[in-house]
Protein backbone atom coordinates (compact mmCIF):
# COMPACT_ATOMS: atom_id res chain seq x y z
CA MET A 1 -0.15 -0.03 -0.32
CA LYS A 2 2.80 2.36 0.93
CA PHE A 3 4.38 1.76 -2.51
CA LEU A 4 1.16 2.24 -4.28
CA GLN A 5 1.16 5.70 -2.17
CA LYS A 6 4.41 6.44 -3.61
CA ALA A 7 4.24 5.31 -6.96
CA TRP A 8 0.89 6.71 -8.48
CA TYR A 9 2.26 9.96 -9.83
CA LYS A 10 5.30 7.97 -11.44
CA ALA A 11 2.79 5.80 -13.22
CA LEU A 12 0.75 8.44 -14.12
CA ALA A 13 3.30 10.75 -15.49
CA ALA A 14 4.85 7.78 -17.71
CA LEU A 15 0.91 7.24 -19.11
CA LEU A 16 0.36 10.90 -19.90
CA VAL A 17 4.05 11.11 -21.20
CA LEU A 18 3.53 8.03 -23.86
CA TYR A 19 0.09 9.42 -24.48
CA THR A 20 1.55 12.83 -25.59
CA LEU A 21 4.32 11.39 -27.32
CA VAL A 22 1.77 9.31 -29.01
CA TYR A 23 -1.43 11.19 -29.72
CA GLY A 24 0.66 14.46 -30.42
CA LEU A 25 1.69 13.02 -33.63
CA LEU A 26 -1.58 11.39 -34.53
CA ILE A 27 -4.51 13.84 -33.36
CA GLU A 28 -6.02 15.85 -36.34
CA LEU A 29 -5.07 19.44 -36.31
CA PRO A 30 -7.36 22.52 -36.87
CA ALA A 31 -8.10 23.21 -40.02
CA ASP A 32 -6.43 26.87 -40.41
CA VAL A 33 -3.13 27.33 -38.37
CA GLY A 34 -1.44 29.77 -40.38
CA ILE A 35 2.50 29.17 -40.69
CA LEU A 36 2.78 26.52 -38.15
CA ASP A 37 1.46 23.65 -40.13
CA GLU A 38 2.69 21.00 -38.67
CA THR A 39 4.87 22.27 -36.40
CA ILE A 40 2.32 23.54 -34.29
CA ARG A 41 2.07 20.06 -32.43
CA ASN A 42 5.12 21.41 -30.75
CA LEU A 43 2.76 22.76 -28.60
CA PHE A 44 2.35 19.49 -26.73
CA TYR A 45 6.26 19.82 -25.93
CA HIS A 46 7.29 23.35 -25.91
CA VAL A 47 4.73 24.97 -23.69
CA PRO A 48 4.33 22.13 -21.68
CA MET A 49 7.57 22.25 -20.65
CA TRP A 50 7.51 26.41 -19.37
CA PHE A 51 4.28 25.67 -17.58
CA GLY A 52 5.75 22.76 -15.90
CA MET A 53 9.02 24.77 -15.32
CA MET A 54 7.08 27.70 -13.28
CA LEU A 55 5.17 25.39 -11.17
CA ILE A 56 8.36 23.36 -10.12
CA LEU A 57 10.01 26.38 -9.52
CA LEU A 58 7.22 27.81 -7.87
CA ALA A 59 7.77 24.65 -5.38
CA ALA A 60 11.36 25.92 -5.13
CA TRP A 61 10.55 29.15 -3.98
CA VAL A 62 8.52 27.78 -0.85
CA ASN A 63 10.92 25.95 0.19
CA SER A 64 13.28 27.94 0.26
CA ILE A 65 11.05 30.96 2.27
CA MET A 66 9.94 27.63 4.63
CA TYR A 67 14.16 27.14 4.69
CA LEU A 68 14.58 30.76 5.97
CA SER A 69 11.83 30.84 8.18
CA LYS A 70 12.97 27.41 10.38
CA PRO A 71 16.33 26.30 8.34
CA ASN A 72 15.92 22.65 7.72
CA PRO A 73 18.78 20.74 5.48
CA LYS A 74 15.99 19.02 3.95
CA ARG A 75 14.16 22.38 3.17
CA ASP A 76 17.38 23.30 1.56
CA ALA A 77 17.58 19.80 -0.32
CA TYR A 78 14.49 20.33 -2.02
CA ALA A 79 14.77 24.09 -2.89
CA THR A 80 17.93 23.15 -4.60
CA GLU A 81 16.91 20.55 -6.81
CA LEU A 82 13.62 21.79 -7.43
CA THR A 83 15.82 24.59 -8.43
CA ASN A 84 17.93 22.74 -10.66
CA VAL A 85 14.93 20.24 -11.83
CA GLY A 86 13.25 23.31 -13.00
CA LEU A 87 16.18 24.56 -14.55
CA LEU A 88 16.65 21.74 -16.35
CA MET A 89 12.73 22.31 -17.84
CA GLY A 90 13.26 25.65 -18.96
CA PHE A 91 16.11 24.41 -20.91
CA CYS A 92 13.94 21.77 -22.38
CA GLY A 93 11.39 24.54 -23.03
CA LEU A 94 13.93 27.15 -24.67
CA PHE A 95 15.83 24.26 -27.17
CA THR A 96 12.39 23.14 -28.27
CA GLY A 97 11.02 26.63 -28.89
CA MET A 98 14.20 27.44 -30.76
CA PHE A 99 13.37 24.73 -32.78
CA TRP A 100 9.86 25.61 -33.61
CA ALA A 101 11.17 28.99 -34.07
CA TYR A 102 13.49 28.11 -36.45
CA ASN A 103 10.91 26.25 -38.48
CA THR A 104 8.22 29.10 -38.21
CA TRP A 105 10.48 32.22 -38.30
CA GLY A 106 13.54 30.82 -40.36
CA THR A 107 15.55 31.90 -37.43
CA ALA A 108 16.50 29.95 -33.71
CA TRP A 109 16.55 33.35 -32.10
CA THR A 110 15.29 36.98 -32.76
CA ASN A 111 15.22 40.12 -31.29
CA ASP A 112 11.59 39.65 -29.36
CA PRO A 113 10.50 40.50 -25.52
CA LYS A 114 9.61 37.28 -25.00
CA LEU A 115 12.95 35.49 -25.99
CA ASN A 116 15.37 38.75 -24.76
CA GLY A 117 12.98 37.87 -21.23
CA VAL A 118 13.81 34.37 -21.33
CA ALA A 119 17.38 34.74 -22.05
CA ALA A 120 17.51 37.31 -19.02
CA GLY A 121 15.92 35.10 -16.52
CA MET A 122 17.68 32.10 -17.67
CA ALA A 123 21.21 34.07 -17.05
CA ILE A 124 19.72 35.62 -13.38
CA TYR A 125 19.27 31.97 -12.53
CA GLY A 126 22.70 31.42 -13.34
CA GLY A 127 23.53 33.39 -9.97
CA TYR A 128 21.67 30.93 -8.16
CA TRP A 129 23.94 28.39 -9.97
CA MET A 130 26.80 29.70 -8.88
CA ILE A 131 26.21 30.63 -5.15
CA GLN A 132 25.51 26.32 -5.10
CA LYS A 133 29.05 26.01 -6.45
CA SER A 134 31.19 28.42 -5.00
CA VAL A 135 30.53 28.35 -1.29
CA ASN A 136 31.97 25.29 0.76
CA ASP A 137 30.31 26.16 3.86
CA ASP A 138 26.89 24.41 3.83
CA ALA A 139 24.86 26.64 6.14
CA LYS A 140 26.03 29.51 4.40
CA ARG A 141 25.41 28.18 1.01
CA ALA A 142 22.18 27.29 2.02
CA ARG A 143 21.09 30.52 3.19
CA LEU A 144 22.29 32.52 0.92
CA GLY A 145 20.36 30.35 -1.77
CA ALA A 146 17.53 30.62 -0.27
CA VAL A 147 18.06 34.08 0.08
CA TYR A 148 18.27 34.75 -3.63
CA ASN A 149 15.77 32.39 -4.75
CA VAL A 150 13.04 33.94 -2.90
CA PHE A 151 14.04 37.54 -4.48
CA VAL A 152 14.73 35.89 -8.12
CA PHE A 153 11.86 33.73 -8.94
CA PRO A 154 9.46 36.68 -8.71
CA ILE A 155 11.77 38.55 -11.14
CA PHE A 156 11.85 35.56 -13.28
CA LEU A 157 8.00 35.58 -13.60
CA ALA A 158 7.98 39.03 -14.40
CA LEU A 159 10.66 38.80 -16.94
CA ILE A 160 8.53 36.04 -18.98
CA VAL A 161 5.15 36.62 -18.39
CA VAL A 162 4.52 39.93 -17.31
CA MET A 163 6.97 42.05 -19.83
CA PRO A 164 6.16 40.06 -22.89
CA LYS A 165 2.48 40.87 -22.31
CA LEU A 166 2.57 44.15 -21.95
CA ALA A 167 4.56 44.88 -25.00
CA GLN A 168 3.60 46.56 -27.70
CA SER A 169 4.64 44.14 -30.32
CA SER A 170 5.87 40.48 -30.71
CA ILE A 171 5.86 37.90 -32.85
CA HIS A 172 5.60 35.19 -30.17
CA PRO A 173 2.29 34.13 -29.86
CA GLY A 174 0.67 34.47 -26.35
CA SER A 175 2.54 37.80 -26.10
CA GLY A 176 1.95 41.72 -26.97
CA ASP A 177 -0.87 42.02 -29.76
CA THR A 178 -0.28 38.28 -31.04
CA VAL A 179 -2.97 35.22 -31.31
CA ASN A 180 -3.24 32.78 -28.28
CA PHE A 181 -3.86 28.97 -27.98
CA LYS A 182 -7.36 29.54 -28.76
CA THR A 183 -7.06 30.98 -31.78
CA TYR A 184 -5.52 27.64 -32.84
CA ASN A 185 -7.66 25.55 -31.27
CA SER A 186 -9.91 26.16 -33.40
CA SER A 187 -11.46 22.67 -33.27
CA GLN A 188 -10.69 22.57 -29.35
CA ASN A 189 -9.32 18.90 -29.84
CA MET A 190 -5.88 20.03 -29.32
CA GLU A 191 -6.66 20.64 -25.49
CA MET A 192 -7.30 16.63 -25.39
CA VAL A 193 -3.53 16.52 -25.78
CA PHE A 194 -2.28 19.67 -24.17
CA TYR A 195 -3.37 19.61 -20.47
CA PRO A 196 -2.64 15.84 -20.13
CA ALA A 197 0.94 17.00 -21.37
CA VAL A 198 1.11 20.15 -18.75
CA VAL A 199 0.57 17.60 -15.89
CA GLY A 200 2.80 14.44 -17.76
CA TRP A 201 6.03 16.64 -18.10
CA THR A 202 5.69 18.47 -15.01
CA LEU A 203 5.20 15.03 -12.69
CA LEU A 204 7.85 13.10 -14.69
CA PHE A 205 10.40 16.21 -13.60
CA VAL A 206 8.88 16.40 -10.36
CA TRP A 207 10.09 12.53 -10.19
CA ILE A 208 13.44 13.81 -11.68
CA ALA A 209 13.42 16.13 -8.72
CA GLU A 210 12.40 13.72 -5.70
CA LEU A 211 15.20 11.44 -6.98
CA ARG A 212 18.17 13.72 -6.85
CA THR A 213 16.98 15.52 -3.45
CA ARG A 214 16.94 11.88 -2.34
CA TYR A 215 20.25 11.24 -3.31
CA ARG A 216 21.56 14.61 -2.06
CA LEU A 217 19.97 13.42 1.68
CA ILE A 218 21.53 10.40 1.54
CA LYS A 219 24.78 11.85 0.61
CA LEU A 220 24.61 14.30 3.54
CA HIS A 221 23.64 12.09 6.25
CA LYS A 222 26.68 9.69 4.82
CA ASP A 223 29.05 12.82 5.06
CA ASN A 224 27.75 13.65 8.52
CA GLU A 225 28.09 10.32 9.97
CA LYS A 226 32.17 10.86 8.57
CA ALA A 227 32.88 13.96 10.59
CA HIS A 228 31.67 12.56 13.49
CA PHE A 229 34.16 9.70 13.59
């Protein structure tokens, strides 16, 4: 019973990702998707990656706040690994987006508020990674990382969500004066893949974060045991 309680979301993640990979390639597309053509199927991979990234980074942000409120190595481990995996998910979204851009616009990157906000946001999060790698004292590293995480997450959201929507012009769908998902989803059958894809990809990366956190806590426990001898 305990195994089922812990494993249910992993099984769900595997099933939903498999469903997305297969049905996402087979589903009939709306009649009018403009220049996107078959590349609109990337909607089931690129966009869910960013949705999942924001949810995972939100969870990391909450754990950082909890650590600052009451320092606990477990909270630090969760905050660190959730951030690491959230950024990994962000890079997956970034590269699938560049692939989509190249096939739609003829270039993998262009001077656009959405893309520039993403680049700036990911660069800012690079500071968190530098703290993790450059500070040797565990308590000091955890405290600095938590403080940095608390401040950087709202800035990151502003760069990739708020500012692009306020932009006067953008070629990225959903930003500025461009069209959005509902415009292309005229037949509404794409929702049958898109929403399961968001859940599936998110759960998959949560699974990865859990494995990394468990490994980190085991390593910390062993290091503490060695320090007592």
